[in-house]
């Protein structure tokens, strides 16, 4: 099991700079999209009078979406820094 994890880590670290940047950008876009679609599609049904309304859940939706945007931003930042460092080291 440890050998397999080591091989996966080696494979991930041996990617060319452009491929690492593209995979990081795609991961960041996927995380951002999950936050966007979470807020878009997860909304309460307001048909019955005693249900939780969208106004009470809006701060929670904004918090979750903001957290996912922050994680996506960190991943995007790490991908760009990794691209720049690998590009500089390979020249």
C-alpha atoms as a PDB file:
ATOM      1  CA  UNK A   1       0.000   0.000   0.000  1.00  0.00           C
ATOM      2  CA  UNK A   2       2.777   2.427   0.847  1.00  0.00           C
ATOM      3  CA  UNK A   3       4.551   1.658  -2.419  1.00  0.00           C
ATOM      4  CA  UNK A   4       1.415   2.470  -4.402  1.00  0.00           C
ATOM      5  CA  UNK A   5       0.977   5.814  -2.605  1.00  0.00           C
ATOM      6  CA  UNK A   6       4.636   6.618  -3.207  1.00  0.00           C
ATOM      7  CA  UNK A   7       4.251   5.895  -6.911  1.00  0.00           C
ATOM      8  CA  UNK A   8       1.166   8.130  -7.127  1.00  0.00           C
ATOM      9  CA  UNK A   9       2.984  10.961  -5.364  1.00  0.00           C
ATOM     10  CA  UNK A  10       5.976  10.555  -7.666  1.00  0.00           C
ATOM     11  CA  UNK A  11       3.676  10.597 -10.684  1.00  0.00           C
ATOM     12  CA  UNK A  12       1.978  13.777  -9.469  1.00  0.00           C
ATOM     13  CA  UNK A  13       5.275  15.536  -8.783  1.00  0.00           C
ATOM     14  CA  UNK A  14       6.800  14.570 -12.133  1.00  0.00           C
ATOM     15  CA  UNK A  15       4.140  16.292 -14.242  1.00  0.00           C
ATOM     16  CA  UNK A  16       5.294  18.955 -16.682  1.00  0.00           C
ATOM     17  CA  UNK A  17       4.610  22.524 -15.476  1.00  0.00           C
ATOM     18  CA  UNK A  18       1.829  23.210 -17.973  1.00  0.00           C
ATOM     19  CA  UNK A  19       0.032  19.960 -17.133  1.00  0.00           C
ATOM     20  CA  UNK A  20       0.232  20.714 -13.405  1.00  0.00           C
ATOM     21  CA  UNK A  21      -1.162  24.206 -14.026  1.00  0.00           C
ATOM     22  CA  UNK A  22      -4.052  22.890 -16.120  1.00  0.00           C
ATOM     23  CA  UNK A  23      -4.966  20.229 -13.561  1.00  0.00           C
ATOM     24  CA  UNK A  24      -4.855  22.797 -10.747  1.00  0.00           C
ATOM     25  CA  UNK A  25      -7.025  25.224 -12.699  1.00  0.00           C
ATOM     26  CA  UNK A  26      -9.534  22.481 -13.532  1.00  0.00           C
ATOM     27  CA  UNK A  27      -9.702  21.427  -9.874  1.00  0.00           C
ATOM     28  CA  UNK A  28     -10.243  25.043  -8.801  1.00  0.00           C
ATOM     29  CA  UNK A  29     -13.010  25.477 -11.386  1.00  0.00           C
ATOM     30  CA  UNK A  30     -14.686  22.264 -10.202  1.00  0.00           C
ATOM     31  CA  UNK A  31     -14.649  23.438  -6.577  1.00  0.00           C
ATOM     32  CA  UNK A  32     -15.958  26.883  -7.547  1.00  0.00           C
ATOM     33  CA  UNK A  33     -18.724  25.291  -9.638  1.00  0.00           C
ATOM     34  CA  UNK A  34     -19.752  23.033  -6.762  1.00  0.00           C
ATOM     35  CA  UNK A  35     -20.225  26.106  -4.562  1.00  0.00           C
ATOM     36  CA  UNK A  36     -22.139  27.902  -7.292  1.00  0.00           C
ATOM     37  CA  UNK A  37     -24.479  24.980  -7.967  1.00  0.00           C
ATOM     38  CA  UNK A  38     -24.923  24.331  -4.245  1.00  0.00           C
ATOM     39  CA  UNK A  39     -26.299  27.823  -3.772  1.00  0.00           C
ATOM     40  CA  UNK A  40     -28.288  27.633  -6.998  1.00  0.00           C
ATOM     41  CA  UNK A  41     -30.067  24.313  -6.441  1.00  0.00           C
ATOM     42  CA  UNK A  42     -30.228  23.861  -2.659  1.00  0.00           C
ATOM     43  CA  UNK A  43     -33.070  26.109  -1.681  1.00  0.00           C
ATOM     44  CA  UNK A  44     -35.949  25.306   0.668  1.00  0.00           C
ATOM     45  CA  UNK A  45     -39.518  24.739  -0.434  1.00  0.00           C
ATOM     46  CA  UNK A  46     -41.637  27.626   0.807  1.00  0.00           C
ATOM     47  CA  UNK A  47     -45.012  26.017   0.128  1.00  0.00           C
ATOM     48  CA  UNK A  48     -45.845  25.185   3.752  1.00  0.00           C
ATOM     49  CA  UNK A  49     -45.972  27.981   6.321  1.00  0.00           C
ATOM     50  CA  UNK A  50     -43.714  26.388   8.975  1.00  0.00           C
ATOM     51  CA  UNK A  51     -40.720  25.608   6.780  1.00  0.00           C
ATOM     52  CA  UNK A  52     -37.389  27.343   6.883  1.00  0.00           C
ATOM     53  CA  UNK A  53     -37.368  30.192   4.406  1.00  0.00           C
ATOM     54  CA  UNK A  54     -34.686  31.105   1.924  1.00  0.00           C
ATOM     55  CA  UNK A  55     -33.982  34.325   3.823  1.00  0.00           C
ATOM     56  CA  UNK A  56     -32.919  32.405   6.935  1.00  0.00           C
ATOM     57  CA  UNK A  57     -30.682  30.052   4.958  1.00  0.00           C
ATOM     58  CA  UNK A  58     -29.087  32.698   2.742  1.00  0.00           C
ATOM     59  CA  UNK A  59     -26.226  33.482   5.192  1.00  0.00           C
ATOM     60  CA  UNK A  60     -25.375  29.766   5.398  1.00  0.00           C
ATOM     61  CA  UNK A  61     -25.353  29.469   1.605  1.00  0.00           C
ATOM     62  CA  UNK A  62     -23.090  32.506   1.317  1.00  0.00           C
ATOM     63  CA  UNK A  63     -20.747  31.101   3.964  1.00  0.00           C
ATOM     64  CA  UNK A  64     -20.436  27.716   2.224  1.00  0.00           C
ATOM     65  CA  UNK A  65     -19.985  29.313  -1.181  1.00  0.00           C
ATOM     66  CA  UNK A  66     -17.402  31.744   0.201  1.00  0.00           C
ATOM     67  CA  UNK A  67     -15.476  28.883   1.793  1.00  0.00           C
ATOM     68  CA  UNK A  68     -15.467  26.908  -1.458  1.00  0.00           C
ATOM     69  CA  UNK A  69     -14.346  30.011  -3.363  1.00  0.00           C
ATOM     70  CA  UNK A  70     -11.524  30.495  -0.864  1.00  0.00           C
ATOM     71  CA  UNK A  71     -10.389  26.862  -1.248  1.00  0.00           C
ATOM     72  CA  UNK A  72     -10.567  27.178  -5.039  1.00  0.00           C
ATOM     73  CA  UNK A  73      -8.521  30.373  -4.868  1.00  0.00           C
ATOM     74  CA  UNK A  74      -5.825  28.707  -2.766  1.00  0.00           C
ATOM     75  CA  UNK A  75      -5.646  25.770  -5.194  1.00  0.00           C
ATOM     76  CA  UNK A  76      -5.427  28.139  -8.150  1.00  0.00           C
ATOM     77  CA  UNK A  77      -2.701  30.150  -6.397  1.00  0.00           C
ATOM     78  CA  UNK A  78      -0.743  26.976  -5.613  1.00  0.00           C
ATOM     79  CA  UNK A  79      -1.065  25.795  -9.224  1.00  0.00           C
ATOM     80  CA  UNK A  80       0.260  29.094 -10.583  1.00  0.00           C
ATOM     81  CA  UNK A  81       3.149  29.203  -8.094  1.00  0.00           C
ATOM     82  CA  UNK A  82       3.982  25.577  -8.901  1.00  0.00           C
ATOM     83  CA  UNK A  83       3.925  26.389 -12.627  1.00  0.00           C
ATOM     84  CA  UNK A  84       6.248  29.364 -12.165  1.00  0.00           C
ATOM     85  CA  UNK A  85       8.685  27.495  -9.916  1.00  0.00           C
ATOM     86  CA  UNK A  86       8.818  24.429 -12.150  1.00  0.00           C
ATOM     87  CA  UNK A  87       9.192  26.595 -15.240  1.00  0.00           C
ATOM     88  CA  UNK A  88      12.081  28.459 -13.645  1.00  0.00           C
ATOM     89  CA  UNK A  89      13.777  25.272 -12.454  1.00  0.00           C
ATOM     90  CA  UNK A  90      13.485  23.490 -15.802  1.00  0.00           C
ATOM     91  CA  UNK A  91      15.066  26.319 -17.810  1.00  0.00           C
END
